[in-house]
Protein backbone atom coordinates (compact mmCIF):
# COMPACT_ATOMS: atom_id res chain seq x y z
CA MET A 1 0.00 0.00 0.00
CA SER A 2 1.28 3.45 -0.90
CA ILE A 3 -0.02 6.97 -1.30
CA LYS A 4 -0.38 9.92 -3.61
CA PHE A 5 -0.40 13.59 -2.64
CA LEU A 6 -3.55 15.28 -3.94
CA GLY A 7 -2.92 18.79 -2.64
CA THR A 8 -1.02 21.01 -0.24
CA GLY A 9 -1.62 24.28 1.57
CA TYR A 10 -0.12 26.53 4.20
CA TYR A 11 -0.84 29.59 6.31
CA VAL A 12 1.35 32.01 8.26
CA PRO A 13 0.09 34.97 10.30
CA GLU A 14 0.45 38.47 8.88
CA HIS A 15 2.49 39.90 11.76
CA VAL A 16 6.17 39.98 10.75
CA VAL A 17 8.84 40.21 13.47
CA THR A 18 12.23 41.15 12.08
CA ASN A 19 15.63 40.69 13.66
CA ASP A 20 15.75 44.43 14.25
CA ASP A 21 12.47 44.16 16.16
CA LEU A 22 14.00 41.50 18.41
CA ALA A 23 17.09 43.68 18.95
CA GLN A 24 14.77 46.09 20.74
CA MET A 25 13.75 43.32 23.16
CA VAL A 26 16.92 41.32 23.88
CA GLU A 27 20.67 41.77 23.41
CA THR A 28 21.06 40.67 19.81
CA ASN A 29 21.37 42.05 16.29
CA ASP A 30 20.53 41.11 12.72
CA GLU A 31 24.06 40.02 11.82
CA TRP A 32 24.33 37.68 14.84
CA ILE A 33 20.98 36.01 14.13
CA VAL A 34 21.59 35.57 10.39
CA GLN A 35 25.04 34.09 10.97
CA ARG A 36 23.84 31.79 13.74
CA VAL A 37 20.60 30.42 12.30
CA GLY A 38 19.96 32.10 8.93
CA ILE A 39 16.71 33.79 9.91
CA SER A 40 15.85 37.37 8.92
CA GLU A 41 12.21 37.43 10.01
CA ARG A 42 9.47 35.22 11.34
CA ARG A 43 5.66 35.35 11.54
CA VAL A 44 4.07 35.64 14.98
CA SER A 45 0.44 35.42 16.02
CA ASP A 46 -1.18 38.50 17.48
CA GLY A 47 -4.51 36.80 18.17
CA GLU A 48 -4.90 33.67 16.06
CA THR A 49 -4.52 30.21 17.59
CA ALA A 50 -2.78 27.08 16.34
CA ALA A 51 -6.25 25.81 15.38
CA ASP A 52 -6.90 28.98 13.35
CA PHE A 53 -3.64 28.45 11.44
CA ALA A 54 -4.54 24.81 10.82
CA ILE A 55 -8.01 25.67 9.54
CA ASN A 56 -6.63 28.13 6.99
CA ALA A 57 -3.90 25.73 5.83
CA ALA A 58 -6.43 22.90 5.61
CA LYS A 59 -8.82 24.95 3.49
CA SER A 60 -6.00 25.70 1.06
CA ALA A 61 -4.93 22.05 0.88
CA VAL A 62 -8.47 20.80 0.31
CA ALA A 63 -9.03 23.38 -2.44
CA ASN A 64 -5.69 22.48 -4.03
CA ALA A 65 -6.66 18.80 -3.93
CA GLY A 66 -9.92 19.51 -5.71
CA ILE A 67 -12.07 17.63 -3.22
CA ALA A 68 -14.95 18.59 -0.94
CA PRO A 69 -14.79 18.50 2.89
CA GLU A 70 -17.25 15.61 2.92
CA ASP A 71 -14.71 13.59 0.92
CA ILE A 72 -12.23 13.65 3.84
CA ASP A 73 -12.20 10.39 5.81
CA LEU A 74 -9.72 11.33 8.54
CA ILE A 75 -7.86 14.39 9.87
CA VAL A 76 -4.55 14.02 11.70
CA ALA A 77 -2.84 17.13 13.09
CA ALA A 78 0.64 17.40 14.59
CA THR A 79 1.21 20.10 17.21
CA ILE A 80 2.89 20.82 20.53
CA SER A 81 1.28 24.23 20.96
CA SER A 82 -2.47 23.75 20.77
CA ASP A 83 -4.26 26.50 22.65
CA THR A 84 -6.73 23.95 23.99
CA LEU A 85 -6.23 20.32 24.96
CA CYS A 86 -9.87 19.81 24.07
CA PRO A 87 -11.02 20.40 21.41
CA THR A 88 -7.96 19.20 19.51
CA VAL A 89 -6.52 21.14 16.58
CA ALA A 90 -7.71 18.36 14.25
CA GLY A 91 -11.17 18.48 15.83
CA SER A 92 -11.35 22.23 15.33
CA VAL A 93 -10.43 21.78 11.67
CA GLN A 94 -13.06 19.08 11.23
CA LYS A 95 -15.72 21.40 12.66
CA ALA A 96 -14.64 24.43 10.63
CA LEU A 97 -14.49 22.51 7.34
CA GLY A 98 -17.80 20.77 7.89
CA ALA A 99 -16.15 17.39 7.41
CA HIS A 100 -17.74 14.23 8.82
CA CYS A 101 -14.82 12.12 9.96
CA PRO A 102 -12.68 11.23 12.97
CA ALA A 103 -9.93 13.68 13.86
CA PHE A 104 -7.09 13.58 16.36
CA ASP A 105 -3.76 15.21 17.25
CA ILE A 106 -0.25 13.77 17.43
CA SER A 107 2.63 15.22 19.45
CA SER A 108 6.27 14.61 18.52
CA ALA A 109 7.73 18.12 18.50
CA CYS A 110 9.42 19.16 15.25
CA SER A 111 9.11 15.62 13.86
CA GLY A 112 5.36 15.68 14.41
CA PHE A 113 4.27 16.03 10.79
CA MET A 114 6.35 13.02 9.78
CA PHE A 115 4.72 10.97 12.56
CA ALA A 116 1.27 12.21 11.50
CA LEU A 117 1.93 11.43 7.84
CA ASP A 118 3.15 7.90 8.59
CA THR A 119 0.08 7.35 10.78
CA ALA A 120 -2.17 8.51 7.95
CA VAL A 121 -0.45 6.15 5.52
CA SER A 122 -1.28 3.26 7.87
CA PHE A 123 -4.94 4.27 7.94
CA LEU A 124 -5.06 4.21 4.13
CA GLN A 125 -4.44 0.47 4.33
CA ARG A 126 -7.80 0.02 6.05
CA GLU A 127 -11.25 -0.02 4.52
CA GLY A 128 -13.19 3.23 4.62
CA TYR A 129 -10.20 5.58 4.30
CA GLU A 130 -9.62 7.14 0.89
CA ASN A 131 -8.69 10.78 1.50
CA ILE A 132 -6.80 11.90 4.60
CA LEU A 133 -5.93 15.44 5.63
CA VAL A 134 -2.58 15.72 7.45
CA ILE A 135 -1.61 18.96 9.20
CA GLY A 136 1.27 20.47 11.14
CA SER A 137 0.35 23.61 13.07
CA GLU A 138 2.18 25.59 15.75
CA ARG A 139 1.77 28.78 17.78
CA LEU A 140 5.27 28.59 19.20
CA CYS A 141 5.26 32.21 20.33
CA LYS A 142 3.45 31.03 23.46
CA LEU A 143 6.24 28.55 24.29
CA VAL A 144 9.14 30.94 23.76
CA ASP A 145 10.87 32.82 26.57
CA TRP A 146 11.05 36.26 24.95
CA THR A 147 13.88 37.26 27.30
CA ASP A 148 16.13 34.38 26.13
CA ARG A 149 18.04 35.46 23.03
CA SER A 150 19.25 31.92 22.34
CA THR A 151 15.71 30.68 21.58
CA CYS A 152 13.41 33.64 20.93
CA VAL A 153 15.22 34.44 17.67
CA ILE A 154 14.63 30.96 16.23
CA PHE A 155 10.93 30.19 16.26
CA GLY A 156 7.87 31.29 14.30
CA ASP A 157 4.16 30.48 13.93
CA GLY A 158 2.21 28.88 11.10
CA ALA A 159 0.66 25.74 9.63
CA GLY A 160 1.02 23.46 6.64
CA ALA A 161 -1.30 20.75 5.36
CA ALA A 162 -1.54 18.01 2.75
CA VAL A 163 -4.28 15.77 1.41
CA ILE A 164 -3.20 12.22 0.61
CA THR A 165 -5.01 9.30 -1.01
CA LYS A 166 -4.20 5.77 -2.14
CA GLY A 167 -1.49 5.60 -4.76
CA ASP A 168 2.01 4.34 -5.44
CA GLY A 169 4.20 7.22 -4.28
CA TYR A 170 5.30 6.34 -0.73
CA LEU A 171 8.56 4.52 -1.28
CA ALA A 172 10.19 4.33 2.16
CA SER A 173 9.86 5.79 5.63
CA ARG A 174 11.20 5.53 9.15
CA LEU A 175 10.29 7.04 12.53
CA TRP A 176 12.72 7.19 15.47
CA THR A 177 12.56 8.21 19.13
CA ASP A 178 15.11 8.32 21.93
CA GLY A 179 13.19 9.67 24.91
CA GLY A 180 14.86 12.18 27.18
CA SER A 181 14.94 15.83 28.17
CA GLU A 182 18.69 16.47 28.23
CA VAL A 183 18.89 18.21 24.84
CA ILE A 184 15.41 19.70 24.30
CA GLU A 185 12.65 20.14 26.86
CA ILE A 186 9.33 21.99 26.85
CA PRO A 187 7.54 21.68 30.21
CA SER A 188 3.77 21.90 30.13
CA HIS A 189 1.66 24.11 32.40
CA ALA A 190 2.22 22.92 35.97
CA GLY A 191 -1.34 23.45 37.14
CA SER A 192 -2.37 24.59 40.61
CA SER A 193 -2.61 21.37 42.58
CA PRO A 194 -1.91 22.04 46.29
CA PHE A 195 -0.75 18.41 46.59
CA PHE A 196 2.04 18.46 43.98
CA LYS A 197 5.48 18.81 45.59
CA GLY A 198 7.68 18.22 42.53
CA GLU A 199 9.78 20.73 40.63
CA VAL A 200 7.78 23.35 38.73
CA LYS A 201 9.41 24.66 35.55
CA LYS A 202 8.26 27.51 33.38
CA PRO A 203 6.52 26.23 30.22
CA PHE A 204 9.16 27.53 27.81
CA ILE A 205 11.46 25.92 25.27
CA TYR A 206 14.80 24.84 26.73
CA MET A 207 17.43 23.72 24.22
CA ASP A 208 21.11 22.80 24.20
CA GLY A 209 22.02 24.39 20.88
CA GLN A 210 25.31 22.59 20.27
CA GLU A 211 23.92 19.13 21.05
CA THR A 212 20.84 19.82 18.95
CA PHE A 213 23.06 20.82 16.03
CA LYS A 214 25.15 17.63 16.20
CA PHE A 215 22.09 15.43 16.61
CA ALA A 216 20.28 17.09 13.71
CA VAL A 217 23.06 16.82 11.14
CA ASN A 218 23.85 13.19 11.96
CA LYS A 219 20.18 12.14 12.01
CA ILE A 220 19.31 13.86 8.74
CA VAL A 221 22.13 12.11 6.92
CA GLU A 222 21.46 8.73 8.55
CA ASP A 223 17.71 8.86 7.89
CA ILE A 224 17.95 10.01 4.27
CA LYS A 225 20.56 7.39 3.42
CA TYR A 226 18.35 4.74 5.03
CA ALA A 227 15.28 5.81 3.05
CA ALA A 228 17.18 5.91 -0.24
CA GLU A 229 18.69 2.47 0.34
CA LYS A 230 15.35 1.02 1.44
CA ALA A 231 13.67 2.33 -1.72
CA GLY A 232 16.55 1.32 -3.98
CA VAL A 233 17.09 4.91 -5.04
CA ALA A 234 20.40 6.69 -5.63
CA LEU A 235 20.85 9.94 -3.69
CA ASP A 236 21.69 11.67 -6.98
CA ASP A 237 18.21 10.81 -8.29
CA ILE A 238 16.42 12.68 -5.49
CA LYS A 239 15.27 15.97 -6.96
CA HIS A 240 13.99 17.80 -3.86
CA PHE A 241 15.12 17.69 -0.24
CA VAL A 242 12.34 19.11 1.95
CA LEU A 243 13.84 19.23 5.43
CA HIS A 244 12.82 20.68 8.76
CA GLN A 245 13.77 24.35 8.69
CA ALA A 246 15.66 24.69 11.97
CA ASN A 247 18.94 26.29 10.99
CA THR A 248 20.56 27.05 7.62
CA ARG A 249 23.93 25.79 8.88
CA ILE A 250 22.35 22.42 9.72
CA LEU A 251 21.00 22.15 6.18
CA ASP A 252 24.33 23.22 4.70
CA TYR A 253 26.25 20.60 6.70
CA ALA A 254 23.73 17.89 5.79
CA ALA A 255 23.99 18.77 2.09
CA ARG A 256 27.76 18.48 2.23
CA LYS A 257 27.68 15.15 4.05
CA LEU A 258 25.16 13.80 1.55
CA LYS A 259 27.21 15.24 -1.32
CA ALA A 260 24.02 16.73 -2.72
CA PRO A 261 23.79 20.13 -4.46
CA LYS A 262 22.51 22.82 -2.13
CA GLU A 263 20.12 23.92 -4.88
CA LYS A 264 18.10 20.75 -4.25
CA PHE A 265 17.38 21.81 -0.67
CA PHE A 266 14.27 23.94 -0.33
CA MET A 267 14.74 26.74 2.21
CA ASN A 268 12.25 29.20 3.64
CA ILE A 269 13.65 29.54 7.16
CA GLN A 270 14.91 33.04 6.41
CA LYS A 271 11.31 34.24 6.15
CA VAL A 272 9.35 32.01 8.57
CA GLY A 273 11.85 30.70 11.12
CA ASN A 274 11.56 27.32 12.80
CA THR A 275 7.86 26.42 12.91
CA SER A 276 8.33 22.97 14.50
CA ALA A 277 5.73 20.45 13.26
CA ALA A 278 4.51 22.98 10.68
CA SER A 279 7.96 23.34 9.12
CA VAL A 280 8.01 20.45 6.64
CA PRO A 281 4.40 20.83 5.41
CA ILE A 282 4.82 24.59 4.95
CA ALA A 283 8.00 23.99 2.94
CA LEU A 284 6.32 21.27 0.88
CA ALA A 285 3.32 23.49 0.16
CA GLN A 286 5.51 26.44 -0.86
CA LEU A 287 7.62 24.20 -3.09
CA ASN A 288 4.44 22.88 -4.70
CA GLU A 289 3.06 26.42 -5.07
CA SER A 290 6.26 27.48 -6.85
CA GLY A 291 5.59 25.00 -9.65
CA ALA A 292 8.94 23.26 -9.12
CA LEU A 293 7.32 19.95 -8.13
CA LYS A 294 6.54 17.73 -11.11
CA ARG A 295 4.76 14.39 -11.17
CA GLY A 296 7.33 11.65 -10.95
CA ASP A 297 9.87 13.74 -9.01
CA LEU A 298 11.61 11.95 -6.14
CA VAL A 299 11.21 13.98 -2.94
CA VAL A 300 12.65 13.25 0.48
CA MET A 301 11.11 14.80 3.60
CA SER A 302 13.01 14.71 6.87
CA ALA A 303 12.50 16.22 10.31
CA PHE A 304 14.19 16.05 13.70
CA GLY A 305 13.50 17.55 17.07
CA GLY A 306 12.52 17.14 20.69
CA GLY A 307 11.88 13.72 22.04
CA LEU A 308 14.50 13.26 20.79
CA SER A 309 12.81 12.18 17.59
CA SER A 310 13.15 12.07 13.84
CA GLY A 311 11.18 11.02 10.80
CA VAL A 312 11.91 10.57 7.12
CA CYS A 313 10.01 9.51 4.03
CA LEU A 314 10.92 9.21 0.38
CA ILE A 315 8.08 9.79 -2.04
CA ARG A 316 7.46 9.89 -5.76
CA TRP A 317 5.40 13.01 -6.35
């Protein structure tokens, strides 16, 4: 059983926060941020929720796929920043679209979309599932410590979505997790229980930048080589590398280790920042929107992040 992508879509909020804007808030500057992570600006919510982003991205993906909401058999959304635990982001999308199908969320940090996509592929093997909407949506501005210059310059808000159906384009995939909080940790809201005596941490992103960098480069290369070998595909034959947009230096190092031309690596981090689970689907949707994706193209998608976790898939578009 394999899949075919019917359509893609994305949404980012209108509010642009530049590096110069951040320099008014913390001790940083445009040159330092660009050299460190390659970001010039990011989009930040000034009122919309992760569910709002997802709804807009989903509408675009459904329209691009040329199907009606009632044709959707399942909605799977990846997020770590839903503004409500209930309803879920996927449930909010289902309601807003007027779809009549089950919907649920998945959480695996920046790898979340890859986990959601692989889950959706499994559902396509069952009866009753023909068209599945897969989403990555994040309002990371609520998880960022805006006084910490090492993290507040990195992240942005937005959502990406894709509609998949049965087909023959899913050639290889792999998901990976190594649980632990040593490298990346995002505590949740501690609550107000008078009985809890454990440590209470602020619900912000904590990240060891150097360890994250090493983990990311090694995992990207390992995962992509695995997928190519599993599918019997030469790395040179892969036309598009759609990777998690975390840091331009990470992507540069990965390209060199894979001995792949940098031109094959789609990049939008300079304009949207790191959008966690929304990163890969936004990049895929923008690549598709550009007209560069052609039927038959080999495309590899890869993500890495907290968990620690990673996911990769090789598809024929």
